[in-house]
C-alpha atoms as a PDB file:
ATOM      1  CA  MET A   1      99.540   0.149  85.259  1.00  0.00           C
ATOM      2  CA  LEU A   2     101.249  -2.855  86.450  1.00  0.00           C
ATOM      3  CA  PRO A   3     100.268  -5.850  84.855  1.00  0.00           C
ATOM      4  CA  VAL A   4      98.594  -8.599  86.899  1.00  0.00           C
ATOM      5  CA  ILE A   5      98.665 -11.967  85.985  1.00  0.00           C
ATOM      6  CA  ASP A   6      96.051 -14.336  87.419  1.00  0.00           C
ATOM      7  CA  TYR A   7      97.355 -17.602  89.126  1.00  0.00           C
ATOM      8  CA  GLU A   8      94.424 -19.565  88.073  1.00  0.00           C
ATOM      9  CA  THR A   9      93.870 -18.588  84.726  1.00  0.00           C
ATOM     10  CA  GLY A  10      96.791 -16.079  83.542  1.00  0.00           C
ATOM     11  CA  CYS A  11     100.022 -17.136  81.691  1.00  0.00           C
ATOM     12  CA  CYS A  12     103.231 -15.048  80.692  1.00  0.00           C
ATOM     13  CA  VAL A  13     105.574 -16.077  77.810  1.00  0.00           C
ATOM     14  CA  ARG A  14     108.145 -13.611  78.789  1.00  0.00           C
ATOM     15  CA  PRO A  15     111.361 -15.366  80.293  1.00  0.00           C
ATOM     16  CA  CYS A  16     111.379 -14.017  84.150  1.00  0.00           C
ATOM     17  CA  VAL A  17     112.992 -14.174  87.517  1.00  0.00           C
ATOM     18  CA  LEU A  18     110.018 -14.837  89.932  1.00  0.00           C
ATOM     19  CA  LEU A  19     110.080 -13.687  93.391  1.00  0.00           C
ATOM     20  CA  LEU A  20     108.389 -16.009  95.583  1.00  0.00           C
ATOM     21  CA  GLY A  21     106.814 -15.224  99.119  1.00  0.00           C
ATOM     22  CA  TYR A  22     103.773 -13.324 100.373  1.00  0.00           C
ATOM     23  CA  PHE A  23     105.054  -9.786 100.479  1.00  0.00           C
ATOM     24  CA  ASP A  24     101.976  -8.167 102.134  1.00  0.00           C
ATOM     25  CA  GLY A  25     104.190  -5.895 104.051  1.00  0.00           C
ATOM     26  CA  VAL A  26     107.055  -4.990 101.705  1.00  0.00           C
ATOM     27  CA  HIS A  27     109.712  -4.389 104.582  1.00  0.00           C
ATOM     28  CA  VAL A  28     113.227  -3.930 104.197  1.00  0.00           C
ATOM     29  CA  GLY A  29     113.921  -7.879 103.915  1.00  0.00           C
ATOM     30  CA  HIS A  30     111.483  -8.209 100.791  1.00  0.00           C
ATOM     31  CA  ARG A  31     113.404  -5.141  99.303  1.00  0.00           C
ATOM     32  CA  ARG A  32     116.713  -6.939  99.363  1.00  0.00           C
ATOM     33  CA  LEU A  33     114.888  -9.897  97.714  1.00  0.00           C
ATOM     34  CA  ILE A  34     113.372  -7.294  94.905  1.00  0.00           C
ATOM     35  CA  SER A  35     116.760  -5.680  94.380  1.00  0.00           C
ATOM     36  CA  ARG A  36     118.959  -8.622  94.161  1.00  0.00           C
ATOM     37  CA  ALA A  37     116.171 -10.210  91.645  1.00  0.00           C
ATOM     38  CA  LYS A  38     116.493  -7.015  89.679  1.00  0.00           C
ATOM     39  CA  GLU A  39     120.076  -7.257  89.336  1.00  0.00           C
ATOM     40  CA  GLU A  40     119.830 -10.905  88.283  1.00  0.00           C
ATOM     41  CA  ALA A  41     117.293  -9.910  85.431  1.00  0.00           C
ATOM     42  CA  ALA A  42     119.391  -7.293  84.295  1.00  0.00           C
ATOM     43  CA  ALA A  43     122.219  -9.337  84.201  1.00  0.00           C
ATOM     44  CA  ARG A  44     120.157 -12.298  82.364  1.00  0.00           C
ATOM     45  CA  GLY A  45     117.979 -10.026  80.058  1.00  0.00           C
ATOM     46  CA  LEU A  46     114.782 -11.198  81.756  1.00  0.00           C
ATOM     47  CA  CYS A  47     111.767  -9.312  83.302  1.00  0.00           C
ATOM     48  CA  VAL A  48     110.750  -9.476  87.114  1.00  0.00           C
ATOM     49  CA  GLY A  49     107.608 -10.942  88.559  1.00  0.00           C
ATOM     50  CA  ILE A  50     106.472 -10.953  92.010  1.00  0.00           C
ATOM     51  CA  MET A  51     104.022 -13.355  93.511  1.00  0.00           C
ATOM     52  CA  THR A  52     101.486 -11.942  95.920  1.00  0.00           C
ATOM     53  CA  PHE A  53      97.401 -12.442  97.111  1.00  0.00           C
ATOM     54  CA  TYR A  54      94.706 -10.613  96.243  1.00  0.00           C
ATOM     55  CA  GLY A  55      93.474 -10.812  99.762  1.00  0.00           C
ATOM     56  CA  GLY A  56      95.432 -12.130 102.874  1.00  0.00           C
ATOM     57  CA  LYS A  57      96.353 -15.696 104.115  1.00  0.00           C
ATOM     58  CA  SER A  58      95.019 -14.618 107.517  1.00  0.00           C
ATOM     59  CA  GLY A  59      93.898 -11.696 109.266  1.00  0.00           C
ATOM     60  CA  ARG A  60      94.805  -8.031 107.834  1.00  0.00           C
ATOM     61  CA  GLN A  61      97.647  -6.766 105.910  1.00  0.00           C
ATOM     62  CA  ILE A  62     100.035  -3.981 106.223  1.00  0.00           C
ATOM     63  CA  PHE A  63      99.405  -2.892 102.638  1.00  0.00           C
ATOM     64  CA  ASP A  64      96.233  -4.332 100.830  1.00  0.00           C
ATOM     65  CA  PHE A  65      96.396  -5.430  97.396  1.00  0.00           C
ATOM     66  CA  SER A  66      96.036  -2.149  95.710  1.00  0.00           C
ATOM     67  CA  GLU A  67      98.701  -0.462  97.739  1.00  0.00           C
ATOM     68  CA  ARG A  68     101.053  -3.557  97.137  1.00  0.00           C
ATOM     69  CA  LEU A  69     100.350  -2.796  93.201  1.00  0.00           C
ATOM     70  CA  TYR A  70     101.531   0.570  93.573  1.00  0.00           C
ATOM     71  CA  LEU A  71     104.643  -0.301  96.044  1.00  0.00           C
ATOM     72  CA  PHE A  72     105.699  -2.985  93.233  1.00  0.00           C
ATOM     73  CA  GLU A  73     105.475  -0.585  90.328  1.00  0.00           C
ATOM     74  CA  SER A  74     107.515   1.873  92.200  1.00  0.00           C
ATOM     75  CA  LEU A  75     109.975  -0.456  92.948  1.00  0.00           C
ATOM     76  CA  GLY A  76     110.710  -1.450  89.280  1.00  0.00           C
ATOM     77  CA  ILE A  77     108.719  -4.787  89.189  1.00  0.00           C
ATOM     78  CA  ASP A  78     107.302  -5.935  85.521  1.00  0.00           C
ATOM     79  CA  PHE A  79     104.551  -7.949  86.601  1.00  0.00           C
ATOM     80  CA  VAL A  80     102.434  -9.219  89.428  1.00  0.00           C
ATOM     81  CA  TYR A  81     101.517 -12.972  89.723  1.00  0.00           C
ATOM     82  CA  ALA A  82      98.629 -13.033  92.075  1.00  0.00           C
ATOM     83  CA  ALA A  83      96.730 -15.630  93.673  1.00  0.00           C
ATOM     84  CA  ARG A  84      93.604 -16.166  95.952  1.00  0.00           C
ATOM     85  CA  PHE A  85      94.156 -17.934  99.283  1.00  0.00           C
ATOM     86  CA  ASP A  86      91.025 -20.173  99.055  1.00  0.00           C
ATOM     87  CA  GLU A  87      90.573 -23.525  99.768  1.00  0.00           C
ATOM     88  CA  ALA A  88      91.491 -24.947  96.454  1.00  0.00           C
ATOM     89  CA  PHE A  89      94.704 -23.024  96.742  1.00  0.00           C
ATOM     90  CA  ARG A  90      95.466 -24.254 100.324  1.00  0.00           C
ATOM     91  CA  VAL A  91      95.304 -28.021  99.988  1.00  0.00           C
ATOM     92  CA  THR A  92      97.289 -27.786  96.849  1.00  0.00           C
ATOM     93  CA  GLU A  93     100.458 -30.002  97.110  1.00  0.00           C
ATOM     94  CA  GLY A  94     103.859 -28.092  96.928  1.00  0.00           C
ATOM     95  CA  GLN A  95     104.909 -30.105  93.784  1.00  0.00           C
ATOM     96  CA  ALA A  96     101.661 -29.284  92.038  1.00  0.00           C
ATOM     97  CA  PHE A  97     102.042 -25.418  93.094  1.00  0.00           C
ATOM     98  CA  LEU A  98     105.530 -25.320  91.506  1.00  0.00           C
ATOM     99  CA  GLU A  99     104.049 -27.311  88.351  1.00  0.00           C
ATOM    100  CA  HIS A 100     101.380 -24.844  88.018  1.00  0.00           C
ATOM    101  CA  VAL A 101     103.750 -21.949  88.249  1.00  0.00           C
ATOM    102  CA  CYS A 102     106.023 -23.133  85.703  1.00  0.00           C
ATOM    103  CA  ALA A 103     103.133 -24.040  83.449  1.00  0.00           C
ATOM    104  CA  ALA A 104     102.028 -20.519  83.503  1.00  0.00           C
ATOM    105  CA  LEU A 105     105.507 -18.919  83.415  1.00  0.00           C
ATOM    106  CA  ASP A 106     108.483 -19.287  81.490  1.00  0.00           C
ATOM    107  CA  VAL A 107     110.656 -19.259  84.889  1.00  0.00           C
ATOM    108  CA  ARG A 108     114.396 -18.911  84.470  1.00  0.00           C
ATOM    109  CA  LEU A 109     115.645 -17.887  88.200  1.00  0.00           C
ATOM    110  CA  PHE A 110     113.233 -18.529  91.546  1.00  0.00           C
ATOM    111  CA  VAL A 111     113.961 -15.743  94.187  1.00  0.00           C
ATOM    112  CA  CYS A 112     112.950 -16.438  97.632  1.00  0.00           C
ATOM    113  CA  GLY A 113     114.217 -15.812 101.376  1.00  0.00           C
ATOM    114  CA  ALA A 114     115.399 -18.832 103.549  1.00  0.00           C
ATOM    115  CA  ASP A 115     112.212 -19.081 105.566  1.00  0.00           C
ATOM    116  CA  TYR A 116     109.882 -19.352 102.174  1.00  0.00           C
ATOM    117  CA  THR A 117     107.325 -22.266 102.537  1.00  0.00           C
ATOM    118  CA  TYR A 118     104.666 -23.089  99.931  1.00  0.00           C
ATOM    119  CA  GLY A 119     102.226 -26.251  99.859  1.00  0.00           C
ATOM    120  CA  CYS A 120      99.485 -27.694 101.699  1.00  0.00           C
ATOM    121  CA  GLY A 121     100.473 -27.582 105.344  1.00  0.00           C
ATOM    122  CA  ALA A 122     103.751 -25.274 104.230  1.00  0.00           C
ATOM    123  CA  SER A 123     105.019 -28.860 103.351  1.00  0.00           C
ATOM    124  CA  GLY A 124     107.840 -27.268 100.717  1.00  0.00           C
ATOM    125  CA  ASN A 125     110.297 -25.068 101.887  1.00  0.00           C
ATOM    126  CA  ALA A 126     113.454 -23.064 100.164  1.00  0.00           C
ATOM    127  CA  GLU A 127     115.206 -26.322 100.048  1.00  0.00           C
ATOM    128  CA  SER A 128     112.787 -28.254  98.291  1.00  0.00           C
ATOM    129  CA  LEU A 129     112.361 -25.351  95.894  1.00  0.00           C
ATOM    130  CA  CYS A 130     115.973 -25.563  95.174  1.00  0.00           C
ATOM    131  CA  ASN A 131     115.643 -29.614  94.615  1.00  0.00           C
ATOM    132  CA  TYR A 132     112.615 -29.174  92.007  1.00  0.00           C
ATOM    133  CA  ALA A 133     114.018 -26.258  90.147  1.00  0.00           C
ATOM    134  CA  THR A 134     117.482 -27.938  89.669  1.00  0.00           C
ATOM    135  CA  GLU A 135     115.513 -31.175  88.381  1.00  0.00           C
ATOM    136  CA  ARG A 136     114.150 -28.947  85.875  1.00  0.00           C
ATOM    137  CA  GLY A 137     117.153 -26.836  84.584  1.00  0.00           C
ATOM    138  CA  ILE A 138     115.708 -23.734  86.377  1.00  0.00           C
ATOM    139  CA  ASP A 139     118.235 -21.712  88.938  1.00  0.00           C
ATOM    140  CA  ALA A 140     117.046 -20.768  92.298  1.00  0.00           C
ATOM    141  CA  LEU A 141     118.722 -18.293  94.890  1.00  0.00           C
ATOM    142  CA  VAL A 142     117.844 -18.406  98.489  1.00  0.00           C
ATOM    143  CA  LEU A 143     118.629 -15.221 100.267  1.00  0.00           C
ATOM    144  CA  PRO A 144     119.370 -15.212 104.019  1.00  0.00           C
ATOM    145  CA  LEU A 145     116.776 -13.434 106.301  1.00  0.00           C
ATOM    146  CA  VAL A 146     117.243  -9.840 107.407  1.00  0.00           C
ATOM    147  CA  GLY A 147     117.453  -8.598 110.900  1.00  0.00           C
ATOM    148  CA  PHE A 148     116.151  -5.253 112.312  1.00  0.00           C
ATOM    149  CA  GLY A 149     116.781  -4.402 115.867  1.00  0.00           C
ATOM    150  CA  GLY A 150     117.967  -8.171 117.239  1.00  0.00           C
ATOM    151  CA  GLU A 151     114.465  -9.442 115.550  1.00  0.00           C
ATOM    152  CA  LYS A 152     113.613 -10.976 112.145  1.00  0.00           C
ATOM    153  CA  ALA A 153     112.501  -8.051 109.691  1.00  0.00           C
ATOM    154  CA  GLY A 154     108.843  -9.145 109.331  1.00  0.00           C
ATOM    155  CA  THR A 155     105.167  -8.692 108.971  1.00  0.00           C
ATOM    156  CA  SER A 156     104.456  -9.454 112.665  1.00  0.00           C
ATOM    157  CA  LEU A 157     106.937  -6.800 113.795  1.00  0.00           C
ATOM    158  CA  ALA A 158     105.454  -4.344 111.388  1.00  0.00           C
ATOM    159  CA  LYS A 159     102.151  -4.768 113.097  1.00  0.00           C
ATOM    160  CA  GLN A 160     103.488  -4.505 116.552  1.00  0.00           C
ATOM    161  CA  LEU A 161     105.127  -0.908 115.749  1.00  0.00           C
ATOM    162  CA  LEU A 162     101.796   0.000 114.072  1.00  0.00           C
ATOM    163  CA  ASP A 163     100.086  -1.047 117.521  1.00  0.00           C
ATOM    164  CA  ARG A 164     102.632   1.112 119.322  1.00  0.00           C
ATOM    165  CA  GLY A 165     102.046   3.873 116.512  1.00  0.00           C
ATOM    166  CA  ASP A 166     105.620   4.122 116.193  1.00  0.00           C
ATOM    167  CA  MET A 167     106.082   5.533 112.796  1.00  0.00           C
ATOM    168  CA  LYS A 168     109.568   6.391 112.720  1.00  0.00           C
ATOM    169  CA  ALA A 169     110.524   2.806 113.555  1.00  0.00           C
ATOM    170  CA  LEU A 170     107.906   1.386 111.281  1.00  0.00           C
ATOM    171  CA  ALA A 171     109.484   3.305 108.453  1.00  0.00           C
ATOM    172  CA  ALA A 172     113.138   1.973 109.182  1.00  0.00           C
ATOM    173  CA  LEU A 173     111.563  -1.581 109.098  1.00  0.00           C
ATOM    174  CA  LEU A 174     109.555  -1.029 105.711  1.00  0.00           C
ATOM    175  CA  GLY A 175     112.365   1.125 104.175  1.00  0.00           C
ATOM    176  CA  GLU A 176     109.905   3.998 103.525  1.00  0.00           C
ATOM    177  CA  LYS A 177     106.909   5.292 105.572  1.00  0.00           C
ATOM    178  CA  TYR A 178     103.746   3.683 106.174  1.00  0.00           C
ATOM    179  CA  PHE A 179     101.004   5.105 104.105  1.00  0.00           C
ATOM    180  CA  ILE A 180      97.368   4.442 103.229  1.00  0.00           C
ATOM    181  CA  ARG A 181      95.877   5.162  99.906  1.00  0.00           C
ATOM    182  CA  GLY A 182      92.184   6.049  99.432  1.00  0.00           C
ATOM    183  CA  THR A 183      89.385   8.217  98.141  1.00  0.00           C
ATOM    184  CA  VAL A 184      88.155  11.124  99.760  1.00  0.00           C
ATOM    185  CA  GLY A 185      84.250  10.826 101.016  1.00  0.00           C
ATOM    186  CA  THR A 186      82.118  13.684 101.690  1.00  0.00           C
ATOM    187  CA  GLU A 187      80.918  12.142 105.042  1.00  0.00           C
ATOM    188  CA  GLY A 188      82.315  14.638 107.993  1.00  0.00           C
ATOM    189  CA  ARG A 189      83.514  17.208 105.676  1.00  0.00           C
ATOM    190  CA  HIS A 190      81.265  20.081 106.984  1.00  0.00           C
ATOM    191  CA  VAL A 191      82.148  19.615 110.811  1.00  0.00           C
ATOM    192  CA  GLY A 192      85.731  20.236 109.849  1.00  0.00           C
ATOM    193  CA  ARG A 193      84.995  22.985 107.694  1.00  0.00           C
ATOM    194  CA  ARG A 194      82.857  24.677 110.744  1.00  0.00           C
ATOM    195  CA  ILE A 195      86.019  24.811 112.913  1.00  0.00           C
ATOM    196  CA  GLY A 196      88.179  25.804 110.497  1.00  0.00           C
ATOM    197  CA  PHE A 197      89.887  22.876 109.717  1.00  0.00           C
ATOM    198  CA  PRO A 198      88.364  21.021 106.725  1.00  0.00           C
ATOM    199  CA  THR A 199      89.268  17.420 106.641  1.00  0.00           C
ATOM    200  CA  ALA A 200      89.599  14.744 103.856  1.00  0.00           C
ATOM    201  CA  ASN A 201      87.917  11.695 104.805  1.00  0.00           C
ATOM    202  CA  ILE A 202      88.731   8.240 104.290  1.00  0.00           C
ATOM    203  CA  HIS A 203      87.389   4.705 105.432  1.00  0.00           C
ATOM    204  CA  LEU A 204      90.112   1.903 105.550  1.00  0.00           C
ATOM    205  CA  PRO A 205      88.990  -1.436 104.164  1.00  0.00           C
ATOM    206  CA  SER A 206      88.166  -4.305 106.037  1.00  0.00           C
ATOM    207  CA  GLU A 207      91.769  -6.055 105.079  1.00  0.00           C
ATOM    208  CA  LYS A 208      93.796  -3.062 105.858  1.00  0.00           C
ATOM    209  CA  TYR A 209      96.038  -3.365 109.051  1.00  0.00           C
ATOM    210  CA  PRO A 210      95.602   0.144 110.668  1.00  0.00           C
ATOM    211  CA  PRO A 211      97.682   2.151 112.933  1.00  0.00           C
ATOM    212  CA  ALA A 212      97.138   2.952 116.673  1.00  0.00           C
ATOM    213  CA  PRO A 213      94.275   5.543 117.090  1.00  0.00           C
ATOM    214  CA  GLY A 214      95.840   8.803 117.618  1.00  0.00           C
ATOM    215  CA  VAL A 215      96.785  11.845 115.958  1.00  0.00           C
ATOM    216  CA  TYR A 216      99.600  11.821 113.432  1.00  0.00           C
ATOM    217  CA  ALA A 217     101.857  14.348 111.402  1.00  0.00           C
ATOM    218  CA  VAL A 218     101.432  13.104 107.842  1.00  0.00           C
ATOM    219  CA  THR A 219     102.718  13.633 104.469  1.00  0.00           C
ATOM    220  CA  VAL A 220      99.857  14.099 101.940  1.00  0.00           C
ATOM    221  CA  VAL A 221     100.075  13.224  98.133  1.00  0.00           C
ATOM    222  CA  ALA A 222      97.233  14.548  95.914  1.00  0.00           C
ATOM    223  CA  ALA A 223      97.810  14.658  92.011  1.00  0.00           C
ATOM    224  CA  GLY A 224     101.290  14.638  92.572  1.00  0.00           C
ATOM    225  CA  VAL A 225     101.474  17.635  94.850  1.00  0.00           C
ATOM    226  CA  HIS A 226     103.160  16.741  98.383  1.00  0.00           C
ATOM    227  CA  CYS A 227     101.674  18.894 101.484  1.00  0.00           C
ATOM    228  CA  ARG A 228     101.975  18.522 105.429  1.00  0.00           C
ATOM    229  CA  GLY A 229      99.026  17.835 107.141  1.00  0.00           C
ATOM    230  CA  ILE A 230      97.534  16.183 110.584  1.00  0.00           C
ATOM    231  CA  ALA A 231      95.577  13.107 110.590  1.00  0.00           C
ATOM    232  CA  ASN A 232      93.120  11.690 113.013  1.00  0.00           C
ATOM    233  CA  TYR A 233      92.558   7.924 113.105  1.00  0.00           C
ATOM    234  CA  GLY A 234      89.828   6.539 115.264  1.00  0.00           C
ATOM    235  CA  ALA A 235      86.515   8.145 116.738  1.00  0.00           C
ATOM    236  CA  ARG A 236      85.722  11.626 117.097  1.00  0.00           C
ATOM    237  CA  PRO A 237      84.713  11.898 120.693  1.00  0.00           C
ATOM    238  CA  THR A 238      84.250  15.549 120.816  1.00  0.00           C
ATOM    239  CA  PHE A 239      81.320  15.095 118.652  1.00  0.00           C
ATOM    240  CA  ASN A 240      80.268  11.962 120.114  1.00  0.00           C
ATOM    241  CA  ASP A 241      81.087  10.032 116.789  1.00  0.00           C
ATOM    242  CA  GLU A 242      82.355   6.327 117.638  1.00  0.00           C
ATOM    243  CA  ARG A 243      82.930   5.539 114.055  1.00  0.00           C
ATOM    244  CA  VAL A 244      86.491   4.885 113.135  1.00  0.00           C
ATOM    245  CA  VAL A 245      87.558   7.093 109.986  1.00  0.00           C
ATOM    246  CA  LEU A 246      90.914   8.716 108.927  1.00  0.00           C
ATOM    247  CA  GLU A 247      90.360  12.165 108.797  1.00  0.00           C
ATOM    248  CA  VAL A 248      93.094  14.110 107.141  1.00  0.00           C
ATOM    249  CA  TYR A 249      93.451  18.052 107.408  1.00  0.00           C
ATOM    250  CA  VAL A 250      96.164  18.856 104.654  1.00  0.00           C
ATOM    251  CA  ASP A 251      97.963  22.079 105.744  1.00  0.00           C
ATOM    252  CA  GLY A 252      97.582  25.285 103.245  1.00  0.00           C
ATOM    253  CA  TYR A 253      95.457  23.439 100.738  1.00  0.00           C
ATOM    254  CA  HIS A 254      92.371  25.009  99.786  1.00  0.00           C
ATOM    255  CA  GLY A 255      90.870  22.954  96.875  1.00  0.00           C
ATOM    256  CA  ASP A 256      88.096  20.484  97.049  1.00  0.00           C
ATOM    257  CA  LEU A 257      89.807  17.031  97.554  1.00  0.00           C
ATOM    258  CA  TYR A 258      86.181  15.355  97.422  1.00  0.00           C
ATOM    259  CA  GLY A 259      86.406  12.377  95.118  1.00  0.00           C
ATOM    260  CA  MET A 260      90.334  12.385  94.959  1.00  0.00           C
ATOM    261  CA  GLN A 261      92.547   9.589  95.559  1.00  0.00           C
ATOM    262  CA  LEU A 262      95.405  10.481  97.999  1.00  0.00           C
ATOM    263  CA  THR A 263      98.425   8.749  99.405  1.00  0.00           C
ATOM    264  CA  ILE A 264      98.965   9.340 103.182  1.00  0.00           C
ATOM    265  CA  TYR A 265     102.331   8.843 104.604  1.00  0.00           C
ATOM    266  CA  PHE A 266     102.554   8.714 108.426  1.00  0.00           C
ATOM    267  CA  ASP A 267     105.608  11.102 109.766  1.00  0.00           C
ATOM    268  CA  PHE A 268     105.043  10.418 113.513  1.00  0.00           C
ATOM    269  CA  ARG A 269     102.560  10.495 116.255  1.00  0.00           C
ATOM    270  CA  ILE A 270     101.796  13.333 118.178  1.00  0.00           C
ATOM    271  CA  ARG A 271      99.210  12.545 120.404  1.00  0.00           C
ATOM    272  CA  ASP A 272      96.218  10.491 121.808  1.00  0.00           C
ATOM    273  CA  ILE A 273      92.873  11.148 120.744  1.00  0.00           C
ATOM    274  CA  ARG A 274      90.825  13.035 123.708  1.00  0.00           C
ATOM    275  CA  LYS A 275      87.468  14.338 123.862  1.00  0.00           C
ATOM    276  CA  PHE A 276      87.291  18.166 124.267  1.00  0.00           C
ATOM    277  CA  ASN A 277      84.609  20.068 125.721  1.00  0.00           C
ATOM    278  CA  ASP A 278      83.501  22.064 122.894  1.00  0.00           C
ATOM    279  CA  ALA A 279      84.835  22.415 118.944  1.00  0.00           C
ATOM    280  CA  ALA A 280      86.462  25.789 120.246  1.00  0.00           C
ATOM    281  CA  GLN A 281      88.676  24.048 122.551  1.00  0.00           C
ATOM    282  CA  LEU A 282      89.454  21.540 119.798  1.00  0.00           C
ATOM    283  CA  SER A 283      90.276  23.916 116.880  1.00  0.00           C
ATOM    284  CA  GLU A 284      92.619  25.580 119.628  1.00  0.00           C
ATOM    285  CA  GLN A 285      94.322  21.890 120.182  1.00  0.00           C
ATOM    286  CA  LEU A 286      94.473  21.531 116.456  1.00  0.00           C
ATOM    287  CA  GLN A 287      96.434  24.858 115.929  1.00  0.00           C
ATOM    288  CA  ARG A 288      99.073  23.709 118.470  1.00  0.00           C
ATOM    289  CA  ASP A 289      99.233  20.175 116.650  1.00  0.00           C
ATOM    290  CA  LEU A 290      99.781  22.410 113.401  1.00  0.00           C
ATOM    291  CA  GLU A 291     102.427  24.057 115.019  1.00  0.00           C
ATOM    292  CA  LYS A 292     104.211  20.859 115.761  1.00  0.00           C
ATOM    293  CA  ILE A 293     104.712  20.005 111.894  1.00  0.00           C
ATOM    294  CA  ARG A 294     105.612  23.508 110.668  1.00  0.00           C
END
């Protein structure tokens, strides 16, 4: 389990490289920062910490907090420094923020992107961070922004691709496939079984930025096993059910997934959601969808 140090109450005495930012999307720009931080840490004999937020600054996130922990651990981060973007944090002046960080952590090197801002009203920037660090004998490394298709690699662009259901372009931007992690519930599972397609149903947390409604080819990881599948994200109009849920059929899996945590990677979008005349017609379409992923 990746250690999480709370911004308000926690501390860490291990000398570290600290990555500063939001890191809600963990795109190719963030990955370059993380890679460089790890190189510097290895050369200096330091551990690597990364700052993020429990929830969001505003709106929904590409990856929620638990998904970010999963990603950070896979990328070789040693600890997470997590804050809540509440009113007290929002009004903290830039220098006070940096002093709080340095009192809690033994930072030897700050790493951030050229567009990094901090403090009340985003009054602090990469230049003022470097000045602060120099005055206190701390190193600071500011890396240039990473471009993607003529734009800045960033969360806003990732959300646009999600809105279009363009999972291939999104995977290129993020550096790996967009995924959803969640625990399988029982709601709706009997409907799928009746038509020959038992499904694992997952409700997205409110802070998660969802894909466009549609049917997708996915790769499902359950207890370390990788399987192909098809996923419906959105309503189920054939059954007059307007509730939005992620409904996944795992191809070739015959066990019970209820209560298991799944990681669902989105490969590509197959089609729009549509209303069929009856369950038999839906079943026929799902069979055609399966043929596209096999």
